[in-house]
Structure formats: structure tokens, C-alpha cells
Amino acid sequence: MSGRVQVERMIEALLFAAAEPLSAADLARRLPEGADVGAALAGLKQAYAERGVRLACVADRWRFQTADDLAFLMTEEREEPRRLSKAAQETLAIIAYHQPVTRAEIEAIRGVQASRGTLDVLLELGLVRLRGRRRTPGRPVTLGTTDAFLEHYGLSSLADLPGALEMRAMGLLDLDLPSDFSVPNPAAPVDDEDPLEEGDEPEFHQDFLGAEGEGGAD
């Protein structure tokens, strides 16, 4: 048995036994020194390409999951605990594409005032997080997406976000986007943002959410 095949078998065993997806670094720490994790993952992905389960990378972590065309076998009818409203979907899309973004910037892009509860839902579901504070007067809180957002939508990274036309077709961007619209690079440095400090718990909900029933909100 070749060394590469043995590494693939070890990674296969680790991923099947893991309670959550594992990163390449997680795998490397458990494998013999010098093991080519990247080549082994590529080999496993190819080997499982036509199987009932496939190897997928989500949020830079690897896991086995049901093949897309067999998902219907796992479907069961049940009450959906919560569905995102159109306003929440648009707000989430704006945060994903424009992060780090502030409340004022979200409202400027949507063209309407944020309604009570929209951002609460996104924060509660773990799709959005408080990132830091903008280096501008008032030090407004900035928002960004989470790994849970990537996992929920099956994205490896923010670079895999669909383009503007696809988002409009999905009904998530019925908006007039700026001329410089582009998919964000999460690795790019942000010069006008400071991270939240330990113990810094901004009164974000009160700041973001206006009085219930205000005109123009949705």
C-alpha cells in the first residue's frame, strides 16, 4: 500500500469519526509528520465524487455529506421553526457583500429604515456577528458574517458568494448596487475598523432598532 493511500485512509477515518468538520491543520496534527494532507484530500474528493456521500469543504473545514442528488432521501416534513423575512434576507446579503458594514450603511443601501427585530433574528441564528467599531465619529458598530453563515449556505469562503445577477435571481438583491460592487476579500486588511475589546458590549440592539411602528420601516 502506497504512502498516499495510507494517508487517505487515515483522513477518511478521522473525518468519519469527527463530531464536526476538520480543517487541514486539524488533520495534519493527527497524521504522521510530513504527510501530504492537500494531496490526500484531493484524492479522497475525487474518489467520492460519484458516491452516495461526498467530501466537501465548508468554511475551510472538511466533512463528508450526502450527495446533492440524494438529498431527497433525507427529507422529512416538519414544521419550519423560523424563516427569514424578505427584509432579513436583504439585510443578510448586504452584510455578506459589504462587510464590515454599519447600520447606517445597511439602511442607505436598502433605502429604508431597519425594522424592529430584523437584525435580532440574524444575530440569534448566528449568521451575523458584531465585528468591531468604525473609526468615525460615534464609533458605530460594524457587522460581518460568521462561519455558520458559510456552513448554512454551503460556501467554502466568502469568495464563493454568487454574483450580483444570481443574487437578484434568488430575490436577495432587489437593490440598486453601487458601481464599485464586488465580492469581498475577507483576508484584506480593514483600515477604518477597530476590533471589539474584551468586555465591550455595545448597546447595539437599542442603537440599531428604531421604535416599533415607525414609518418607512420594513
Protein backbone atom coordinates (compact mmCIF):
# COMPACT_ATOMS: atom_id res chain seq x y z
CA MET A 1 0.00 0.00 0.00
CA SER A 2 1.46 3.38 -1.03
CA GLY A 3 2.06 6.16 1.50
CA ARG A 4 -0.52 8.43 -0.14
CA VAL A 5 -3.22 5.75 0.01
CA GLN A 6 -2.46 5.18 3.69
CA VAL A 7 -2.75 8.93 4.41
CA GLU A 8 -6.09 8.99 2.56
CA ARG A 9 -7.34 6.09 4.70
CA MET A 10 -6.28 7.88 7.89
CA ILE A 11 -8.00 11.12 6.85
CA GLU A 12 -11.10 9.13 5.87
CA ALA A 13 -11.20 7.54 9.31
CA LEU A 14 -10.69 10.86 11.09
CA LEU A 15 -13.47 12.62 9.15
CA PHE A 16 -15.95 9.80 9.68
CA ALA A 17 -15.27 9.76 13.42
CA ALA A 18 -15.17 13.54 13.93
CA ALA A 19 -18.13 15.23 15.60
CA GLU A 20 -17.59 18.35 13.47
CA PRO A 21 -15.76 19.34 10.27
CA LEU A 22 -11.95 19.38 10.48
CA SER A 23 -9.52 21.83 8.91
CA ALA A 24 -6.38 20.74 7.07
CA ALA A 25 -4.38 21.88 10.10
CA ASP A 26 -6.54 19.76 12.42
CA LEU A 27 -5.87 16.72 10.24
CA ALA A 28 -2.15 17.41 9.94
CA ARG A 29 -1.77 17.44 13.73
CA ARG A 30 -3.08 13.86 13.90
CA LEU A 31 -1.17 12.47 10.93
CA PRO A 32 2.46 11.35 10.68
CA GLU A 33 4.91 14.19 10.18
CA GLY A 34 5.37 15.11 6.53
CA ALA A 35 2.02 13.69 5.40
CA ASP A 36 0.73 15.50 2.29
CA VAL A 37 -2.71 16.46 3.55
CA GLY A 38 -3.61 18.51 0.48
CA ALA A 39 -2.89 15.70 -1.98
CA ALA A 40 -4.73 13.17 0.18
CA LEU A 41 -7.81 15.38 0.44
CA ALA A 42 -7.81 15.90 -3.32
CA GLY A 43 -7.57 12.14 -3.85
CA LEU A 44 -10.41 11.44 -1.43
CA LYS A 45 -12.59 14.11 -3.00
CA GLN A 46 -12.13 12.52 -6.41
CA ALA A 47 -12.72 9.02 -5.06
CA TYR A 48 -16.04 10.05 -3.50
CA ALA A 49 -17.20 12.23 -6.41
CA GLU A 50 -19.70 9.60 -7.66
CA ARG A 51 -20.55 8.02 -4.31
CA GLY A 52 -23.61 8.43 -2.10
CA VAL A 53 -21.59 10.69 0.16
CA ARG A 54 -19.03 13.21 -0.98
CA LEU A 55 -16.14 15.09 0.58
CA ALA A 56 -16.89 18.80 0.89
CA CYS A 57 -15.01 21.83 2.16
CA VAL A 58 -17.17 24.33 4.05
CA ALA A 59 -15.73 27.38 5.83
CA ASP A 60 -12.21 25.94 5.26
CA ARG A 61 -13.15 22.73 7.06
CA TRP A 62 -13.68 19.27 5.59
CA ARG A 63 -16.58 16.89 6.11
CA PHE A 64 -18.47 14.05 4.44
CA GLN A 65 -22.03 14.89 3.44
CA THR A 66 -24.86 13.37 1.43
CA ALA A 67 -24.53 13.75 -2.34
CA ASP A 68 -26.70 16.61 -3.58
CA ASP A 69 -28.81 14.42 -5.86
CA LEU A 70 -29.69 12.09 -2.96
CA ALA A 71 -30.74 14.78 -0.50
CA PHE A 72 -34.40 13.91 -1.13
CA LEU A 73 -33.86 10.62 0.70
CA MET A 74 -33.18 12.52 3.91
CA THR A 75 -36.16 14.84 3.57
CA GLU A 76 -38.89 14.75 6.15
CA GLU A 77 -41.86 17.01 6.59
CA ARG A 78 -41.70 19.07 9.74
CA GLU A 79 -42.66 22.49 10.94
CA GLU A 80 -40.07 25.09 9.98
CA PRO A 81 -39.13 26.87 13.19
CA ARG A 82 -38.23 30.16 11.52
CA ARG A 83 -37.95 31.52 8.01
CA LEU A 84 -36.10 34.69 7.16
CA SER A 85 -38.28 37.55 6.03
CA LYS A 86 -37.51 39.38 2.79
CA ALA A 87 -36.08 42.26 4.83
CA ALA A 88 -33.83 39.87 6.79
CA GLN A 89 -32.64 38.18 3.59
CA GLU A 90 -31.76 41.52 2.00
CA THR A 91 -30.01 42.68 5.19
CA LEU A 92 -28.00 39.44 5.35
CA ALA A 93 -27.00 39.78 1.69
CA ILE A 94 -25.85 43.37 2.25
CA ILE A 95 -23.77 42.35 5.27
CA ALA A 96 -22.22 39.44 3.35
CA TYR A 97 -21.18 41.55 0.37
CA HIS A 98 -20.27 44.80 2.11
CA GLN A 99 -18.75 43.65 5.40
CA PRO A 100 -17.62 45.25 7.58
CA VAL A 101 -20.77 47.36 7.36
CA THR A 102 -22.63 49.62 9.80
CA ARG A 103 -26.33 50.07 10.47
CA ALA A 104 -26.36 53.42 8.64
CA GLU A 105 -24.70 51.86 5.59
CA ILE A 106 -27.22 48.99 5.53
CA GLU A 107 -30.11 51.44 5.62
CA ALA A 108 -28.52 53.61 2.91
CA ILE A 109 -28.17 50.61 0.57
CA ARG A 110 -31.67 49.25 1.24
CA GLY A 111 -33.21 52.70 1.06
CA VAL A 112 -35.49 52.07 4.05
CA GLN A 113 -35.18 52.23 7.80
CA ALA A 114 -34.47 48.93 9.55
CA SER A 115 -37.45 47.44 11.35
CA ARG A 116 -37.54 46.13 14.87
CA GLY A 117 -36.22 42.57 15.15
CA THR A 118 -34.62 42.14 11.71
CA LEU A 119 -31.05 42.13 12.96
CA ASP A 120 -32.02 40.41 16.21
CA VAL A 121 -33.05 37.36 14.16
CA LEU A 122 -29.76 37.25 12.22
CA LEU A 123 -27.72 37.58 15.42
CA GLU A 124 -29.82 34.97 17.23
CA LEU A 125 -29.38 32.47 14.39
CA GLY A 126 -25.63 33.04 14.46
CA LEU A 127 -25.49 34.12 10.80
CA VAL A 128 -24.16 37.58 11.70
CA ARG A 129 -21.72 38.82 14.34
CA LEU A 130 -20.55 42.14 15.75
CA ARG A 131 -17.07 42.70 14.27
CA GLY A 132 -15.75 45.95 15.69
CA ARG A 133 -16.16 49.71 15.63
CA ARG A 134 -15.68 52.10 12.73
CA ARG A 135 -13.06 54.81 13.21
CA THR A 136 -15.56 57.57 12.59
CA PRO A 137 -17.49 59.95 14.87
CA GLY A 138 -19.80 57.99 17.14
CA ARG A 139 -17.71 54.81 16.71
CA PRO A 140 -20.60 52.82 15.16
CA VAL A 141 -20.56 49.04 15.45
CA THR A 142 -19.62 47.08 12.32
CA LEU A 143 -21.16 43.77 11.25
CA GLY A 144 -19.91 40.71 9.43
CA THR A 145 -20.97 37.14 8.68
CA THR A 146 -19.95 34.03 10.62
CA ASP A 147 -18.73 30.51 9.84
CA ALA A 148 -22.32 29.41 10.50
CA PHE A 149 -23.36 31.59 7.54
CA LEU A 150 -20.86 29.79 5.29
CA GLU A 151 -21.98 26.37 6.57
CA HIS A 152 -25.68 27.21 6.15
CA TYR A 153 -25.23 28.20 2.51
CA GLY A 154 -22.57 25.55 1.74
CA LEU A 155 -19.79 28.04 0.95
CA SER A 156 -16.09 27.30 1.38
CA SER A 157 -15.33 31.01 1.79
CA LEU A 158 -16.81 34.43 1.04
CA ALA A 159 -15.08 34.28 -2.34
CA ASP A 160 -17.66 31.61 -3.30
CA LEU A 161 -20.60 34.00 -2.89
CA PRO A 162 -22.74 34.11 -6.04
CA GLY A 163 -22.55 37.16 -8.28
CA ALA A 164 -24.98 40.06 -8.27
CA LEU A 165 -27.12 38.64 -11.10
CA GLU A 166 -27.51 35.31 -9.30
CA MET A 167 -28.41 37.06 -6.06
CA ARG A 168 -31.06 39.11 -7.84
CA ALA A 169 -32.45 35.93 -9.43
CA MET A 170 -32.73 34.44 -5.93
CA GLY A 171 -34.63 37.53 -4.82
CA LEU A 172 -31.93 38.57 -2.34
CA LEU A 173 -30.76 41.75 -4.05
CA ASP A 174 -33.68 43.75 -5.40
CA LEU A 175 -31.47 46.79 -4.88
CA ASP A 176 -29.50 49.41 -6.77
CA LEU A 177 -25.95 48.33 -6.06
CA PRO A 178 -23.07 50.82 -6.18
CA SER A 179 -20.87 50.90 -9.29
CA ASP A 180 -17.89 49.52 -7.35
CA PHE A 181 -19.82 46.43 -6.16
CA SER A 182 -17.56 43.38 -5.78
CA VAL A 183 -17.26 40.20 -3.74
CA PRO A 184 -15.33 41.00 -0.54
CA ASN A 185 -11.89 39.64 0.22
CA PRO A 186 -12.04 38.59 3.90
CA ALA A 187 -8.24 38.46 4.06
CA ALA A 188 -7.85 42.10 3.03
CA PRO A 189 -6.90 44.47 5.86
CA VAL A 190 -9.54 46.92 7.05
CA ASP A 191 -8.02 50.30 7.85
CA ASP A 192 -11.02 52.08 9.34
CA GLU A 193 -12.16 49.45 11.86
CA ASP A 194 -11.05 48.56 15.38
CA PRO A 195 -11.88 45.14 16.86
CA LEU A 196 -14.27 44.94 19.81
CA GLU A 197 -12.34 44.83 23.06
CA GLU A 198 -12.99 42.31 25.80
CA GLY A 199 -15.94 43.46 27.84
CA ASP A 200 -17.04 45.86 25.12
CA GLU A 201 -20.72 45.01 24.82
CA PRO A 202 -22.26 47.78 22.72
CA GLU A 203 -25.92 48.58 23.17
CA PHE A 204 -26.35 47.54 19.60
CA HIS A 205 -29.97 46.47 19.63
CA GLN A 206 -31.14 49.78 21.00
CA ASP A 207 -28.94 51.62 18.53
CA PHE A 208 -29.96 49.56 15.50
CA LEU A 209 -33.65 49.11 16.07
CA GLY A 210 -35.96 52.08 15.96
CA ALA A 211 -39.27 52.42 17.70
CA GLU A 212 -41.80 49.84 16.62
CA GLY A 213 -44.24 51.09 14.01
CA GLU A 214 -42.02 53.85 12.59
CA GLY A 215 -42.97 54.90 9.13
CA GLY A 216 -40.98 53.53 6.20
CA ALA A 217 -39.52 50.60 8.14
CA ASP A 218 -39.81 47.03 6.93
